[in-house]
């Protein structure tokens, strides 16, 4: 990453994280956030499995 790119990233990350907190995380209870995390982990595991299977089929 270039120095310019790093600067742009640093300027953007704070507002981005504050917006995510305001519009999404603040609406959920800790239990709901935990459930969301579990669901996203399951989706990632599925995507990884499908991706690996697809790559093996192409070989």
PDB file of N, CA and C in Angstrom:
ATOM      1  N   UNK A   1       0.866  -1.165   0.000  1.00  0.00           N
ATOM      2  CA  UNK A   1       0.000   0.000   0.000  1.00  0.00           C
ATOM      3  C   UNK A   1       0.911   1.226   0.000  1.00  0.00           C
ATOM      4  N   UNK A   2       0.532   2.192  -0.801  1.00  0.00           N
ATOM      5  CA  UNK A   2       1.318   3.417  -0.869  1.00  0.00           C
ATOM      6  C   UNK A   2       1.055   4.277   0.361  1.00  0.00           C
ATOM      7  N   UNK A   3       1.923   5.250   0.587  1.00  0.00           N
ATOM      8  CA  UNK A   3       1.706   6.186   1.694  1.00  0.00           C
ATOM      9  C   UNK A   3       0.398   6.941   1.498  1.00  0.00           C
ATOM     10  N   UNK A   4       0.109   7.321   0.263  1.00  0.00           N
ATOM     11  CA  UNK A   4      -1.141   8.025  -0.021  1.00  0.00           C
ATOM     12  C   UNK A   4      -2.352   7.131   0.273  1.00  0.00           C
ATOM     13  N   UNK A   5      -2.269   5.890  -0.143  1.00  0.00           N
ATOM     14  CA  UNK A   5      -3.350   4.943   0.119  1.00  0.00           C
ATOM     15  C   UNK A   5      -3.548   4.711   1.602  1.00  0.00           C
ATOM     16  N   UNK A   6      -2.461   4.614   2.332  1.00  0.00           N
ATOM     17  CA  UNK A   6      -2.532   4.438   3.780  1.00  0.00           C
ATOM     18  C   UNK A   6      -3.221   5.632   4.431  1.00  0.00           C
ATOM     19  N   UNK A   7      -2.913   6.842   3.960  1.00  0.00           N
ATOM     20  CA  UNK A   7      -3.550   8.044   4.492  1.00  0.00           C
ATOM     21  C   UNK A   7      -5.040   8.066   4.217  1.00  0.00           C
ATOM     22  N   UNK A   8      -5.429   7.685   3.007  1.00  0.00           N
ATOM     23  CA  UNK A   8      -6.849   7.637   2.651  1.00  0.00           C
ATOM     24  C   UNK A   8      -7.564   6.613   3.526  1.00  0.00           C
ATOM     25  N   UNK A   9      -6.939   5.465   3.708  1.00  0.00           N
ATOM     26  CA  UNK A   9      -7.524   4.419   4.549  1.00  0.00           C
ATOM     27  C   UNK A   9      -7.728   4.920   5.974  1.00  0.00           C
ATOM     28  N   UNK A  10      -6.709   5.536   6.528  1.00  0.00           N
ATOM     29  CA  UNK A  10      -6.797   6.028   7.913  1.00  0.00           C
ATOM     30  C   UNK A  10      -7.888   7.079   8.067  1.00  0.00           C
ATOM     31  N   UNK A  11      -8.062   7.917   7.058  1.00  0.00           N
ATOM     32  CA  UNK A  11      -9.119   8.939   7.133  1.00  0.00           C
ATOM     33  C   UNK A  11     -10.508   8.315   7.041  1.00  0.00           C
ATOM     34  N   UNK A  12     -10.626   7.225   6.320  1.00  0.00           N
ATOM     35  CA  UNK A  12     -11.936   6.614   6.089  1.00  0.00           C
ATOM     36  C   UNK A  12     -12.364   5.653   7.191  1.00  0.00           C
ATOM     37  N   UNK A  13     -11.430   5.008   7.846  1.00  0.00           N
ATOM     38  CA  UNK A  13     -11.784   3.923   8.764  1.00  0.00           C
ATOM     39  C   UNK A  13     -12.581   4.412   9.972  1.00  0.00           C
ATOM     40  N   UNK A  14     -12.224   5.546  10.537  1.00  0.00           N
ATOM     41  CA  UNK A  14     -12.938   6.050  11.708  1.00  0.00           C
ATOM     42  C   UNK A  14     -14.409   6.311  11.412  1.00  0.00           C
ATOM     43  N   UNK A  15     -14.715   7.130  10.405  1.00  0.00           N
ATOM     44  CA  UNK A  15     -16.122   7.368  10.071  1.00  0.00           C
ATOM     45  C   UNK A  15     -16.866   6.093   9.691  1.00  0.00           C
ATOM     46  N   UNK A  16     -16.189   5.189   9.020  1.00  0.00           N
ATOM     47  CA  UNK A  16     -16.822   3.928   8.620  1.00  0.00           C
ATOM     48  C   UNK A  16     -17.218   3.115   9.857  1.00  0.00           C
ATOM     49  N   UNK A  17     -16.298   2.978  10.802  1.00  0.00           N
ATOM     50  CA  UNK A  17     -16.590   2.197  12.004  1.00  0.00           C
ATOM     51  C   UNK A  17     -17.667   2.866  12.856  1.00  0.00           C
ATOM     52  N   UNK A  18     -17.652   4.187  12.938  1.00  0.00           N
ATOM     53  CA  UNK A  18     -18.700   4.887  13.687  1.00  0.00           C
ATOM     54  C   UNK A  18     -20.064   4.679  13.033  1.00  0.00           C
ATOM     55  N   UNK A  19     -20.125   4.708  11.723  1.00  0.00           N
ATOM     56  CA  UNK A  19     -21.392   4.484  11.021  1.00  0.00           C
ATOM     57  C   UNK A  19     -21.883   3.054  11.226  1.00  0.00           C
ATOM     58  N   UNK A  20     -20.985   2.093  11.173  1.00  0.00           N
ATOM     59  CA  UNK A  20     -21.375   0.697  11.403  1.00  0.00           C
ATOM     60  C   UNK A  20     -21.933   0.526  12.806  1.00  0.00           C
ATOM     61  N   UNK A  21     -21.319   1.167  13.780  1.00  0.00           N
ATOM     62  CA  UNK A  21     -21.807   1.101  15.155  1.00  0.00           C
ATOM     63  C   UNK A  21     -23.195   1.736  15.253  1.00  0.00           C
ATOM     64  N   UNK A  22     -23.346   2.918  14.678  1.00  0.00           N
ATOM     65  CA  UNK A  22     -24.612   3.659  14.762  1.00  0.00           C
ATOM     66  C   UNK A  22     -25.760   2.917  14.084  1.00  0.00           C
ATOM     67  N   UNK A  23     -25.540   2.443  12.878  1.00  0.00           N
ATOM     68  CA  UNK A  23     -26.629   1.900  12.067  1.00  0.00           C
ATOM     69  C   UNK A  23     -26.867   0.408  12.265  1.00  0.00           C
ATOM     70  N   UNK A  24     -25.894  -0.325  12.755  1.00  0.00           N
ATOM     71  CA  UNK A  24     -26.054  -1.772  12.868  1.00  0.00           C
ATOM     72  C   UNK A  24     -25.845  -2.280  14.289  1.00  0.00           C
ATOM     73  N   UNK A  25     -24.649  -2.137  14.814  1.00  0.00           N
ATOM     74  CA  UNK A  25     -24.324  -2.746  16.100  1.00  0.00           C
ATOM     75  C   UNK A  25     -25.168  -2.193  17.239  1.00  0.00           C
ATOM     76  N   UNK A  26     -25.469  -0.919  17.222  1.00  0.00           N
ATOM     77  CA  UNK A  26     -26.249  -0.312  18.307  1.00  0.00           C
ATOM     78  C   UNK A  26     -27.676  -0.852  18.357  1.00  0.00           C
ATOM     79  N   UNK A  27     -28.139  -1.402  17.259  1.00  0.00           N
ATOM     80  CA  UNK A  27     -29.514  -1.915  17.196  1.00  0.00           C
ATOM     81  C   UNK A  27     -29.633  -3.319  17.787  1.00  0.00           C
ATOM     82  N   UNK A  28     -28.510  -3.974  18.024  1.00  0.00           N
ATOM     83  CA  UNK A  28     -28.525  -5.372  18.446  1.00  0.00           C
ATOM     84  C   UNK A  28     -28.046  -5.523  19.887  1.00  0.00           C
ATOM     85  N   UNK A  29     -28.632  -6.471  20.583  1.00  0.00           N
ATOM     86  CA  UNK A  29     -28.179  -6.807  21.929  1.00  0.00           C
ATOM     87  C   UNK A  29     -26.898  -7.628  21.821  1.00  0.00           C
ATOM     88  N   UNK A  30     -26.166  -7.764  22.917  1.00  0.00           N
ATOM     89  CA  UNK A  30     -24.983  -8.624  22.873  1.00  0.00           C
ATOM     90  C   UNK A  30     -25.309 -10.051  22.413  1.00  0.00           C
ATOM     91  N   UNK A  31     -26.427 -10.576  22.848  1.00  0.00           N
ATOM     92  CA  UNK A  31     -26.812 -11.936  22.420  1.00  0.00           C
ATOM     93  C   UNK A  31     -27.089 -11.980  20.921  1.00  0.00           C
ATOM     94  N   UNK A  32     -27.723 -10.951  20.404  1.00  0.00           N
ATOM     95  CA  UNK A  32     -27.994 -10.905  18.961  1.00  0.00           C
ATOM     96  C   UNK A  32     -26.701 -10.769  18.165  1.00  0.00           C
ATOM     97  N   UNK A  33     -25.769  -9.965  18.669  1.00  0.00           N
ATOM     98  CA  UNK A  33     -24.469  -9.835  17.998  1.00  0.00           C
ATOM     99  C   UNK A  33     -23.734 -11.170  17.993  1.00  0.00           C
ATOM    100  N   UNK A  34     -23.821 -11.904  19.089  1.00  0.00           N
ATOM    101  CA  UNK A  34     -23.191 -13.215  19.160  1.00  0.00           C
ATOM    102  C   UNK A  34     -23.826 -14.171  18.151  1.00  0.00           C
ATOM    103  N   UNK A  35     -25.157 -14.141  18.066  1.00  0.00           N
ATOM    104  CA  UNK A  35     -25.855 -14.981  17.088  1.00  0.00           C
ATOM    105  C   UNK A  35     -25.488 -14.611  15.663  1.00  0.00           C
ATOM    106  N   UNK A  36     -25.378 -13.320  15.408  1.00  0.00           N
ATOM    107  CA  UNK A  36     -24.973 -12.853  14.078  1.00  0.00           C
ATOM    108  C   UNK A  36     -23.568 -13.351  13.756  1.00  0.00           C
ATOM    109  N   UNK A  37     -22.664 -13.241  14.726  1.00  0.00           N
ATOM    110  CA  UNK A  37     -21.294 -13.714  14.511  1.00  0.00           C
ATOM    111  C   UNK A  37     -21.274 -15.208  14.204  1.00  0.00           C
ATOM    112  N   UNK A  38     -22.063 -15.979  14.932  1.00  0.00           N
ATOM    113  CA  UNK A  38     -22.123 -17.424  14.688  1.00  0.00           C
ATOM    114  C   UNK A  38     -22.665 -17.717  13.297  1.00  0.00           C
ATOM    115  N   UNK A  39     -23.697 -16.998  12.905  1.00  0.00           N
ATOM    116  CA  UNK A  39     -24.264 -17.193  11.576  1.00  0.00           C
ATOM    117  C   UNK A  39     -23.278 -16.830  10.474  1.00  0.00           C
ATOM    118  N   UNK A  40     -22.556 -15.738  10.652  1.00  0.00           N
ATOM    119  CA  UNK A  40     -21.563 -15.329   9.653  1.00  0.00           C
ATOM    120  C   UNK A  40     -20.405 -16.319   9.578  1.00  0.00           C
ATOM    121  N   UNK A  41     -20.017 -16.878  10.725  1.00  0.00           N
ATOM    122  CA  UNK A  41     -18.963 -17.903  10.721  1.00  0.00           C
ATOM    123  C   UNK A  41     -19.419 -19.149   9.972  1.00  0.00           C
ATOM    124  N   UNK A  42     -20.681 -19.531  10.151  1.00  0.00           N
ATOM    125  CA  UNK A  42     -21.216 -20.688   9.429  1.00  0.00           C
ATOM    126  C   UNK A  42     -21.242 -20.428   7.932  1.00  0.00           C
ATOM    127  N   UNK A  43     -21.640 -19.227   7.548  1.00  0.00           N
ATOM    128  CA  UNK A  43     -21.638 -18.876   6.121  1.00  0.00           C
ATOM    129  C   UNK A  43     -20.232 -18.903   5.554  1.00  0.00           C
ATOM    130  N   UNK A  44     -19.260 -18.376   6.299  1.00  0.00           N
ATOM    131  CA  UNK A  44     -17.876 -18.379   5.821  1.00  0.00           C
ATOM    132  C   UNK A  44     -17.360 -19.797   5.663  1.00  0.00           C
ATOM    133  N   UNK A  45     -17.671 -20.665   6.611  1.00  0.00           N
ATOM    134  CA  UNK A  45     -17.246 -22.058   6.509  1.00  0.00           C
ATOM    135  C   UNK A  45     -17.861 -22.722   5.280  1.00  0.00           C
ATOM    136  N   UNK A  46     -19.120 -22.432   5.020  1.00  0.00           N
ATOM    137  CA  UNK A  46     -19.791 -22.996   3.845  1.00  0.00           C
ATOM    138  C   UNK A  46     -19.145 -22.478   2.561  1.00  0.00           C
ATOM    139  N   UNK A  47     -18.898 -21.186   2.503  1.00  0.00           N
ATOM    140  CA  UNK A  47     -18.264 -20.593   1.318  1.00  0.00           C
ATOM    141  C   UNK A  47     -16.894 -21.218   1.090  1.00  0.00           C
ATOM    142  N   UNK A  48     -16.124 -21.383   2.172  1.00  0.00           N
ATOM    143  CA  UNK A  48     -14.804 -22.002   2.044  1.00  0.00           C
ATOM    144  C   UNK A  48     -14.913 -23.415   1.496  1.00  0.00           C
ATOM    145  N   UNK A  49     -15.884 -24.182   1.985  1.00  0.00           N
ATOM    146  CA  UNK A  49     -16.075 -25.562   1.532  1.00  0.00           C
ATOM    147  C   UNK A  49     -16.470 -25.591   0.059  1.00  0.00           C
ATOM    148  N   UNK A  50     -17.430 -24.772  -0.316  1.00  0.00           N
ATOM    149  CA  UNK A  50     -17.887 -24.743  -1.709  1.00  0.00           C
ATOM    150  C   UNK A  50     -16.759 -24.276  -2.626  1.00  0.00           C
ATOM    151  N   UNK A  51     -16.024 -23.279  -2.188  1.00  0.00           N
ATOM    152  CA  UNK A  51     -14.918 -22.759  -2.989  1.00  0.00           C
ATOM    153  C   UNK A  51     -13.850 -23.824  -3.197  1.00  0.00           C
ATOM    154  N   UNK A  52     -13.502 -24.538  -2.144  1.00  0.00           N
ATOM    155  CA  UNK A  52     -12.490 -25.591  -2.234  1.00  0.00           C
ATOM    156  C   UNK A  52     -12.966 -26.708  -3.155  1.00  0.00           C
ATOM    157  N   UNK A  53     -14.224 -27.098  -2.998  1.00  0.00           N
ATOM    158  CA  UNK A  53     -14.802 -28.157  -3.830  1.00  0.00           C
ATOM    159  C   UNK A  53     -14.795 -27.732  -5.292  1.00  0.00           C
ATOM    160  N   UNK A  54     -15.194 -26.500  -5.561  1.00  0.00           N
ATOM    161  CA  UNK A  54     -15.226 -25.983  -6.927  1.00  0.00           C
ATOM    162  C   UNK A  54     -13.829 -25.957  -7.538  1.00  0.00           C
ATOM    163  N   UNK A  55     -12.843 -25.557  -6.756  1.00  0.00           N
ATOM    164  CA  UNK A  55     -11.469 -25.520  -7.260  1.00  0.00           C
ATOM    165  C   UNK A  55     -10.964 -26.924  -7.588  1.00  0.00           C
ATOM    166  N   UNK A  56     -11.311 -27.901  -6.756  1.00  0.00           N
ATOM    167  CA  UNK A  56     -10.892 -29.272  -7.005  1.00  0.00           C
ATOM    168  C   UNK A  56     -11.559 -29.826  -8.260  1.00  0.00           C
ATOM    169  N   UNK A  57     -12.828 -29.446  -8.488  1.00  0.00           N
ATOM    170  CA  UNK A  57     -13.545 -29.912  -9.669  1.00  0.00           C
ATOM    171  C   UNK A  57     -12.931 -29.353 -10.949  1.00  0.00           C
ATOM    172  N   UNK A  58     -12.393 -28.156 -10.868  1.00  0.00           N
ATOM    173  CA  UNK A  58     -11.774 -27.527 -12.044  1.00  0.00           C
ATOM    174  C   UNK A  58     -10.423 -28.115 -12.373  1.00  0.00           C
ATOM    175  N   UNK A  59      -9.782 -28.739 -11.396  1.00  0.00           N
ATOM    176  CA  UNK A  59      -8.412 -29.288 -11.613  1.00  0.00           C
ATOM    177  C   UNK A  59      -8.445 -30.577 -12.378  1.00  0.00           C
TER     178      UNK A  59
END
